[in-house]
Amino acid sequence: MNPVTGAPRVGLVGGGQLARMTAAPAAALGVDLRLLATDRGESAAQVIPDVVFGSHTDLAALTALAEGCSVITFDHEHVPPAHLRALETAGIGVQPSSAALVHAQDKITMREAIEAAGLPTPAWRHDFTVDDLRGVGDALGWPLVLKVSRGGYDGRGVWVVEDEARARTVMESTELVHGAAWLAEELVPFTRELAAQVARSPSGQAVAYPVVRTVQVDGMCSEVVAPCPDLPEAKALEAQQIALRVAEALGVTGMLAVELFDAPQGLLINELAMRPHNSGHWTIDGAVTSQFENHLRAVLDLPLGDPRSTAQWSVMVNVVGPRDIEGLPPLTDAFRHVMARDPGVHVHLYGKSLRPGRKLGHVTVVSDDLADALTRAHHAADYLMGVINE
């Protein structure tokens, strides 16, 4: 708590763009933020003045972050579980708790809990070696999806393998992080990918955002449309109910994103994220209460905000560093052109240096015309990425 104002103080582990985008709603709510980051150049450390410098793998740094905070929460899920349990044992508020967060940290733990709760998931296998691959393939069919249980994100640690030989090559050439194991899943013939986001507080209040359609490119979210076009109301309600059931069953507090496959056999849970998520960035400009504000409200056990859309359509497109960055002008120069060309485009830059494949920002267009929103959002993102020059 701030000793001068009496405002609650929230400790954020991780200096990425999710922490950065939490700064504005925190200021509006009168909530102080303290950040754990590696250096002042990190995305969030550029805009949050109270920074503890250190690693999320260092218990002493985490303890320093928590001093004087009402609660600590996360920009990412990579904090060692033992450190989180040590903080909780010391009486420090951790939201989501270590018992909940482990399901976003370990895909095997997540799949086991989802199955135990009677929730829909792709067929899967785990605890196998390269010598077991033939039996795994016989059970799930080829091609299949090979994953590492820990350490993967944005498509890293995930491979679609067409046969046993390719699977063996991947497993033999990949070094697993500590505590990780292999799992395999059926390759689901989905028609589209969805994301259902909910916010849940420690007292049990929960709200559900409109279900969105997501588009992935190279394992990374590229486009989000809110709400998902042509999604039957009954299926949208089912997706929201699945997300709410996951949050309750796993004891999640804060924001939860449930990524789903819309498949012929029904909705299937793909991945979970227990924090603000790329699929919810549209809420900054297109919802009554953004995911970032509701995350703060939830972890502080404040009444949650209205998650409803403010317009018929919101389209978000990521701005990602292109493969060839040679000669690409600074994003701030391109930003001026985008602002002048279309004042209705919302551009969010993360303060990151150019690097191929790196998330640099996103753009959002809110409109009553979906085709218009898609065209404008992609034009702005393409200009920022140097795909087009007019």
Protein backbone atom coordinates (compact mmCIF):
# COMPACT_ATOMS: atom_id res chain seq x y z
CA MET A 1 0.00 0.00 0.00
CA ASN A 2 1.16 3.53 -0.81
CA PRO A 3 2.03 5.10 2.58
CA VAL A 4 1.18 8.60 1.30
CA THR A 5 -2.14 8.05 -0.50
CA GLY A 6 -3.29 4.79 1.06
CA ALA A 7 -3.82 3.39 -2.45
CA PRO A 8 -3.32 -0.34 -2.98
CA ARG A 9 -0.05 -1.33 -4.60
CA VAL A 10 0.12 -4.20 -7.07
CA GLY A 11 3.41 -5.92 -7.85
CA LEU A 12 3.78 -7.03 -11.47
CA VAL A 13 6.22 -9.82 -12.32
CA GLY A 14 7.59 -9.22 -15.81
CA GLY A 15 8.32 -6.12 -17.83
CA GLY A 16 6.58 -6.96 -21.12
CA GLN A 17 3.76 -5.29 -23.01
CA LEU A 18 1.03 -6.80 -20.83
CA ALA A 19 2.43 -5.02 -17.79
CA ARG A 20 2.88 -1.86 -19.87
CA MET A 21 -0.78 -1.84 -20.92
CA THR A 22 -1.82 -2.25 -17.28
CA ALA A 23 -0.30 1.12 -16.37
CA ALA A 24 -3.07 3.33 -17.79
CA PRO A 25 -6.03 1.62 -16.05
CA ALA A 26 -4.00 1.43 -12.83
CA ALA A 27 -3.51 5.20 -12.91
CA ALA A 28 -7.22 5.74 -13.55
CA LEU A 29 -8.15 3.48 -10.63
CA GLY A 30 -5.62 5.12 -8.31
CA VAL A 31 -3.68 1.85 -8.02
CA ASP A 32 0.10 1.98 -7.62
CA LEU A 33 2.18 -0.44 -9.66
CA ARG A 34 5.59 -1.85 -8.80
CA LEU A 35 7.39 -3.78 -11.51
CA LEU A 36 9.95 -6.57 -11.52
CA ALA A 37 12.01 -6.14 -14.69
CA THR A 38 15.52 -6.89 -15.85
CA ASP A 39 16.37 -3.35 -16.98
CA ARG A 40 14.87 0.09 -17.63
CA GLY A 41 14.63 -0.59 -21.34
CA GLU A 42 11.96 -3.27 -20.97
CA SER A 43 8.55 -2.37 -22.36
CA ALA A 44 6.74 -1.79 -19.06
CA ALA A 45 9.75 -0.31 -17.26
CA GLN A 46 9.65 2.61 -19.70
CA VAL A 47 6.26 3.73 -18.32
CA ILE A 48 6.15 2.39 -14.73
CA PRO A 49 8.59 4.35 -12.52
CA ASP A 50 8.67 2.01 -9.48
CA VAL A 51 10.89 -0.85 -10.67
CA VAL A 52 12.72 -3.60 -8.83
CA PHE A 53 15.47 -4.85 -11.10
CA GLY A 54 16.05 -8.57 -11.07
CA SER A 55 14.99 -11.93 -12.47
CA HIS A 56 11.68 -13.71 -12.00
CA THR A 57 13.74 -16.79 -11.14
CA ASP A 58 15.33 -15.03 -8.12
CA LEU A 59 13.33 -15.44 -4.91
CA ALA A 60 15.10 -12.47 -3.30
CA ALA A 61 14.00 -10.21 -6.18
CA LEU A 62 10.43 -11.50 -5.94
CA THR A 63 10.43 -10.84 -2.20
CA ALA A 64 11.71 -7.30 -2.77
CA LEU A 65 8.96 -6.74 -5.32
CA ALA A 66 6.29 -7.89 -2.87
CA GLU A 67 7.38 -5.59 -0.03
CA GLY A 68 4.57 -3.13 0.63
CA CYS A 69 2.32 -4.62 -2.07
CA SER A 70 -1.26 -5.66 -1.51
CA VAL A 71 -0.83 -8.46 -4.04
CA ILE A 72 1.53 -9.61 -6.75
CA THR A 73 0.42 -10.80 -10.18
CA PHE A 74 1.99 -11.66 -13.52
CA ASP A 75 2.90 -10.49 -16.99
CA HIS A 76 3.91 -14.09 -17.79
CA GLU A 77 3.66 -17.57 -16.25
CA HIS A 78 7.35 -18.45 -15.99
CA VAL A 79 7.97 -17.89 -12.27
CA PRO A 80 9.21 -21.12 -10.61
CA PRO A 81 6.30 -22.72 -8.70
CA ALA A 82 8.50 -23.27 -5.62
CA HIS A 83 9.16 -19.52 -5.43
CA LEU A 84 5.45 -18.76 -5.57
CA ARG A 85 4.75 -21.23 -2.78
CA ALA A 86 7.52 -19.64 -0.70
CA LEU A 87 5.92 -16.21 -1.13
CA GLU A 88 2.52 -17.56 -0.13
CA THR A 89 4.01 -19.28 2.92
CA ALA A 90 5.47 -15.91 3.92
CA GLY A 91 1.97 -14.42 3.83
CA ILE A 92 2.33 -12.57 0.53
CA GLY A 93 -0.79 -12.37 -1.63
CA VAL A 94 -0.29 -14.09 -5.00
CA GLN A 95 -3.05 -13.85 -7.61
CA PRO A 96 -3.58 -16.19 -9.31
CA SER A 97 -2.28 -18.57 -6.66
CA SER A 98 0.53 -21.01 -7.26
CA ALA A 99 -2.01 -23.86 -7.17
CA ALA A 100 -3.97 -22.25 -10.04
CA LEU A 101 -1.04 -20.92 -12.06
CA VAL A 102 0.61 -24.31 -12.37
CA HIS A 103 -2.11 -25.25 -14.87
CA ALA A 104 -0.90 -22.49 -17.19
CA GLN A 105 2.73 -23.40 -16.56
CA ASP A 106 2.49 -27.12 -17.30
CA LYS A 107 0.38 -28.48 -20.16
CA ILE A 108 0.22 -31.99 -18.69
CA THR A 109 -1.09 -30.68 -15.37
CA MET A 110 -3.59 -28.56 -17.29
CA ARG A 111 -4.87 -31.44 -19.45
CA GLU A 112 -5.25 -33.72 -16.41
CA ALA A 113 -7.23 -31.09 -14.50
CA ILE A 114 -9.46 -30.30 -17.48
CA GLU A 115 -10.27 -33.98 -17.97
CA ALA A 116 -10.95 -34.42 -14.24
CA ALA A 117 -13.40 -31.51 -14.41
CA GLY A 118 -15.24 -33.15 -17.32
CA LEU A 119 -14.30 -30.39 -19.76
CA PRO A 120 -13.69 -31.01 -23.50
CA THR A 121 -10.14 -31.54 -24.69
CA PRO A 122 -8.40 -33.12 -27.71
CA ALA A 123 -7.29 -36.74 -27.35
CA TRP A 124 -3.76 -36.78 -25.93
CA ARG A 125 -0.94 -38.89 -24.52
CA HIS A 126 2.00 -38.14 -22.22
CA ASP A 127 4.87 -39.77 -20.35
CA PHE A 128 6.37 -41.40 -23.43
CA THR A 129 9.82 -41.67 -24.99
CA VAL A 130 10.98 -41.84 -28.58
CA ASP A 131 10.64 -45.64 -28.37
CA ASP A 132 6.90 -45.24 -27.66
CA LEU A 133 6.15 -43.03 -30.66
CA ARG A 134 4.69 -45.78 -32.83
CA GLY A 135 2.09 -46.60 -30.19
CA VAL A 136 1.33 -42.89 -29.63
CA GLY A 137 0.79 -42.44 -33.36
CA ASP A 138 -1.42 -45.52 -33.54
CA ALA A 139 -3.58 -44.10 -30.75
CA LEU A 140 -3.86 -40.51 -31.98
CA GLY A 141 -3.25 -40.85 -35.73
CA TRP A 142 -0.68 -39.16 -37.95
CA PRO A 143 -0.04 -36.32 -38.29
CA LEU A 144 -0.18 -35.31 -34.64
CA VAL A 145 0.82 -32.34 -32.49
CA LEU A 146 3.95 -32.74 -30.37
CA LYS A 147 4.40 -30.36 -27.41
CA VAL A 148 6.73 -29.72 -24.52
CA SER A 149 4.83 -29.43 -21.25
CA ARG A 150 6.82 -26.42 -19.98
CA GLY A 151 8.65 -23.46 -21.45
CA GLY A 152 6.72 -22.96 -24.70
CA TYR A 153 4.82 -19.84 -25.78
CA ASP A 154 3.72 -18.12 -29.03
CA GLY A 155 4.08 -21.35 -30.97
CA ARG A 156 7.45 -22.26 -29.48
CA GLY A 157 7.59 -25.77 -28.12
CA VAL A 158 4.86 -26.98 -30.48
CA TRP A 159 5.38 -29.06 -33.64
CA VAL A 160 2.99 -30.65 -36.12
CA VAL A 161 4.75 -33.89 -37.08
CA GLU A 162 3.63 -35.95 -40.05
CA ASP A 163 5.13 -39.29 -39.06
CA GLU A 164 7.20 -41.22 -36.54
CA ALA A 165 10.51 -40.28 -38.16
CA ARG A 166 9.81 -36.55 -37.93
CA ALA A 167 8.59 -36.90 -34.34
CA ARG A 168 11.75 -38.79 -33.41
CA THR A 169 13.92 -36.04 -34.98
CA VAL A 170 12.10 -33.32 -33.01
CA MET A 171 12.37 -35.15 -29.71
CA GLU A 172 16.02 -36.09 -30.13
CA SER A 173 17.05 -32.56 -31.15
CA THR A 174 15.11 -30.65 -28.47
CA GLU A 175 16.52 -30.01 -25.01
CA LEU A 176 13.75 -29.84 -22.43
CA VAL A 177 13.74 -27.22 -19.68
CA HIS A 178 13.81 -28.42 -16.08
CA GLY A 179 10.63 -30.28 -15.16
CA ALA A 180 9.34 -30.51 -18.73
CA ALA A 181 8.08 -33.65 -20.45
CA TRP A 182 6.61 -34.54 -23.83
CA LEU A 183 2.94 -34.77 -24.68
CA ALA A 184 1.18 -35.49 -27.95
CA GLU A 185 -2.29 -34.45 -29.07
CA GLU A 186 -4.53 -35.36 -31.96
CA LEU A 187 -4.39 -32.87 -34.83
CA VAL A 188 -7.87 -31.37 -34.57
CA PRO A 189 -9.55 -30.53 -37.92
CA PHE A 190 -11.02 -27.28 -36.57
CA THR A 191 -13.00 -24.78 -38.62
CA ARG A 192 -11.79 -21.79 -36.59
CA GLU A 193 -10.00 -20.89 -33.38
CA LEU A 194 -11.84 -19.07 -30.62
CA ALA A 195 -10.88 -17.43 -27.36
CA ALA A 196 -13.17 -17.01 -24.37
CA GLN A 197 -11.98 -14.62 -21.67
CA VAL A 198 -13.31 -14.26 -18.17
CA ALA A 199 -12.30 -12.31 -15.10
CA ARG A 200 -12.77 -13.88 -11.65
CA SER A 201 -12.12 -12.41 -8.22
CA PRO A 202 -11.09 -14.22 -5.01
CA SER A 203 -14.62 -13.73 -3.65
CA GLY A 204 -15.97 -15.65 -6.66
CA GLN A 205 -17.48 -12.85 -8.76
CA ALA A 206 -16.92 -13.52 -12.47
CA VAL A 207 -17.69 -11.83 -15.78
CA ALA A 208 -17.36 -13.12 -19.34
CA TYR A 209 -16.23 -11.16 -22.40
CA PRO A 210 -17.66 -11.72 -25.89
CA VAL A 211 -16.15 -14.79 -27.56
CA VAL A 212 -13.65 -13.82 -30.26
CA ARG A 213 -12.23 -15.40 -33.40
CA THR A 214 -8.45 -15.59 -33.48
CA VAL A 215 -6.11 -16.17 -36.42
CA GLN A 216 -2.67 -17.65 -35.76
CA VAL A 217 0.38 -17.24 -38.03
CA ASP A 218 3.46 -19.33 -37.16
CA GLY A 219 1.92 -20.07 -33.76
CA MET A 220 1.47 -16.38 -32.91
CA CYS A 221 -1.84 -14.54 -32.75
CA SER A 222 -2.16 -12.32 -35.81
CA GLU A 223 -5.78 -11.14 -35.86
CA VAL A 224 -8.71 -11.01 -33.45
CA VAL A 225 -12.33 -10.24 -34.35
CA ALA A 226 -14.77 -9.47 -31.54
CA PRO A 227 -17.30 -10.92 -31.40
CA CYS A 228 -16.62 -14.00 -33.54
CA PRO A 229 -18.54 -13.56 -36.83
CA ASP A 230 -21.35 -16.04 -37.56
CA LEU A 231 -20.92 -17.86 -34.26
CA PRO A 232 -24.30 -19.22 -33.15
CA GLU A 233 -25.47 -17.70 -29.88
CA ALA A 234 -25.72 -21.13 -28.27
CA LYS A 235 -22.10 -21.96 -29.13
CA ALA A 236 -20.87 -18.56 -27.90
CA LEU A 237 -22.69 -19.16 -24.61
CA GLU A 238 -21.17 -22.65 -24.40
CA ALA A 239 -17.65 -21.21 -24.86
CA GLN A 240 -18.26 -18.64 -22.11
CA GLN A 241 -19.61 -21.34 -19.80
CA ILE A 242 -16.54 -23.51 -20.47
CA ALA A 243 -14.25 -20.61 -19.53
CA LEU A 244 -16.23 -19.89 -16.36
CA ARG A 245 -16.13 -23.58 -15.41
CA VAL A 246 -12.35 -23.68 -15.95
CA ALA A 247 -11.89 -20.59 -13.77
CA GLU A 248 -13.95 -22.09 -10.96
CA ALA A 249 -12.54 -25.62 -11.20
CA LEU A 250 -8.92 -24.45 -11.17
CA GLY A 251 -9.42 -21.60 -8.70
CA VAL A 252 -8.25 -18.93 -11.15
CA THR A 253 -8.24 -15.29 -10.07
CA GLY A 254 -7.63 -12.37 -12.41
CA MET A 255 -8.02 -12.73 -16.16
CA LEU A 256 -8.28 -16.16 -17.76
CA ALA A 257 -8.11 -16.77 -21.51
CA VAL A 258 -9.33 -20.14 -22.77
CA GLU A 259 -8.25 -20.85 -26.34
CA LEU A 260 -10.66 -23.21 -28.09
CA PHE A 261 -10.94 -25.21 -31.29
CA ASP A 262 -14.34 -25.02 -32.98
CA ALA A 263 -14.28 -28.55 -34.38
CA PRO A 264 -16.81 -30.91 -35.96
CA GLN A 265 -17.03 -32.83 -32.66
CA GLY A 266 -17.66 -29.60 -30.72
CA LEU A 267 -15.62 -27.07 -28.76
CA LEU A 268 -12.26 -28.35 -27.46
CA ILE A 269 -9.91 -26.59 -25.05
CA ASN A 270 -6.50 -25.92 -26.59
CA GLU A 271 -4.55 -23.67 -24.21
CA LEU A 272 -5.00 -21.54 -21.07
CA ALA A 273 -3.46 -18.21 -20.04
CA MET A 274 -3.96 -16.82 -16.52
CA ARG A 275 -3.27 -13.16 -17.19
CA PRO A 276 -4.32 -10.58 -19.77
CA HIS A 277 -3.96 -12.14 -23.21
CA ASN A 278 -3.34 -11.13 -26.82
CA SER A 279 -6.90 -12.19 -27.69
CA GLY A 280 -8.21 -9.48 -25.36
CA HIS A 281 -6.20 -6.45 -26.49
CA TRP A 282 -9.27 -5.27 -28.43
CA THR A 283 -10.97 -4.56 -25.10
CA ILE A 284 -8.85 -1.43 -24.54
CA ASP A 285 -10.76 0.35 -27.30
CA GLY A 286 -13.80 -1.88 -27.83
CA ALA A 287 -15.18 -2.86 -24.41
CA VAL A 288 -16.70 -0.97 -21.51
CA THR A 289 -13.97 -2.31 -19.22
CA SER A 290 -10.65 -3.51 -20.63
CA GLN A 291 -9.10 -6.83 -19.70
CA PHE A 292 -6.27 -4.91 -18.01
CA GLU A 293 -8.60 -2.97 -15.74
CA ASN A 294 -10.60 -6.07 -14.88
CA HIS A 295 -7.42 -7.98 -14.10
CA LEU A 296 -6.49 -5.31 -11.56
CA ARG A 297 -10.00 -5.24 -10.14
CA ALA A 298 -10.04 -9.03 -9.86
CA VAL A 299 -6.67 -9.53 -8.14
CA LEU A 300 -7.57 -6.75 -5.66
CA ASP A 301 -11.01 -8.31 -5.11
CA LEU A 302 -12.77 -5.15 -6.25
CA PRO A 303 -16.18 -5.26 -8.00
CA LEU A 304 -15.61 -6.26 -11.63
CA GLY A 305 -16.32 -3.97 -14.57
CA ASP A 306 -18.75 -4.41 -17.46
CA PRO A 307 -17.15 -6.66 -20.15
CA ARG A 308 -19.60 -5.84 -22.95
CA SER A 309 -18.57 -4.43 -26.34
CA THR A 310 -19.11 -0.76 -27.08
CA ALA A 311 -19.61 -1.28 -30.83
CA GLN A 312 -20.77 -4.02 -33.16
CA TRP A 313 -17.25 -5.04 -34.24
CA SER A 314 -13.69 -4.67 -32.99
CA VAL A 315 -10.74 -5.89 -35.06
CA MET A 316 -7.23 -6.14 -33.61
CA VAL A 317 -4.18 -6.90 -35.75
CA ASN A 318 -0.72 -7.48 -34.30
CA VAL A 319 2.29 -5.50 -35.49
CA VAL A 320 5.19 -7.95 -35.72
CA GLY A 321 8.76 -7.36 -36.83
CA PRO A 322 9.12 -8.53 -40.45
CA ARG A 323 11.77 -11.03 -41.48
CA ASP A 324 13.66 -8.35 -43.37
CA ILE A 325 14.03 -5.23 -41.20
CA GLU A 326 16.83 -3.73 -43.30
CA GLY A 327 15.90 -0.16 -44.19
CA LEU A 328 12.59 -0.24 -42.32
CA PRO A 329 11.83 3.26 -40.98
CA PRO A 330 11.27 3.77 -37.24
CA LEU A 331 7.79 2.82 -36.07
CA THR A 332 7.23 6.35 -34.80
CA ASP A 333 7.66 7.66 -38.36
CA ALA A 334 5.16 5.14 -39.72
CA PHE A 335 2.85 5.94 -36.80
CA ARG A 336 2.54 9.56 -38.00
CA HIS A 337 1.38 8.40 -41.45
CA VAL A 338 -1.15 5.95 -39.98
CA MET A 339 -2.54 8.60 -37.65
CA ALA A 340 -2.93 11.12 -40.46
CA ARG A 341 -4.43 8.65 -42.94
CA ASP A 342 -7.01 7.19 -40.56
CA PRO A 343 -7.63 9.08 -37.30
CA GLY A 344 -10.05 6.33 -36.20
CA VAL A 345 -7.34 3.66 -35.96
CA HIS A 346 -6.07 2.98 -32.44
CA VAL A 347 -2.33 2.25 -32.51
CA HIS A 348 -0.59 0.76 -29.48
CA LEU A 349 3.21 0.53 -29.60
CA TYR A 350 5.19 -1.39 -26.98
CA GLY A 351 8.45 0.56 -27.00
CA LYS A 352 10.46 -2.38 -28.35
CA SER A 353 13.37 -2.37 -30.75
CA LEU A 354 12.87 -3.91 -34.19
CA ARG A 355 13.52 -7.62 -34.42
CA PRO A 356 12.13 -10.20 -36.86
CA GLY A 357 9.15 -12.02 -35.37
CA ARG A 358 8.92 -9.75 -32.34
CA LYS A 359 5.58 -8.32 -31.19
CA LEU A 360 6.03 -4.57 -31.53
CA GLY A 361 2.47 -3.39 -31.02
CA HIS A 362 -1.07 -3.76 -32.27
CA VAL A 363 -3.79 -1.76 -33.98
CA THR A 364 -7.51 -1.84 -33.29
CA VAL A 365 -10.44 -0.56 -35.33
CA VAL A 366 -13.92 -0.31 -33.83
CA SER A 367 -16.75 -0.14 -36.38
CA ASP A 368 -20.31 -1.14 -37.20
CA ASP A 369 -19.01 -2.57 -40.50
CA LEU A 370 -16.82 -5.68 -40.20
CA ALA A 371 -15.36 -5.48 -43.71
CA ASP A 372 -14.44 -1.84 -43.09
CA ALA A 373 -12.79 -2.66 -39.77
CA LEU A 374 -10.77 -5.54 -41.24
CA THR A 375 -9.56 -3.46 -44.19
CA ARG A 376 -8.52 -0.49 -42.08
CA ALA A 377 -6.85 -2.50 -39.34
CA HIS A 378 -4.80 -4.60 -41.76
CA HIS A 379 -3.81 -1.54 -43.80
CA ALA A 380 -2.50 0.21 -40.69
CA ALA A 381 -0.63 -2.86 -39.44
CA ASP A 382 0.83 -3.58 -42.87
CA TYR A 383 2.12 -0.01 -43.14
CA LEU A 384 3.71 -0.19 -39.70
CA MET A 385 5.38 -3.48 -40.65
CA GLY A 386 6.65 -2.13 -43.97
CA VAL A 387 4.49 -4.48 -46.05
CA ILE A 388 3.03 -1.49 -47.89
CA ASN A 389 4.28 2.08 -48.24
CA GLU A 390 1.16 4.08 -48.99
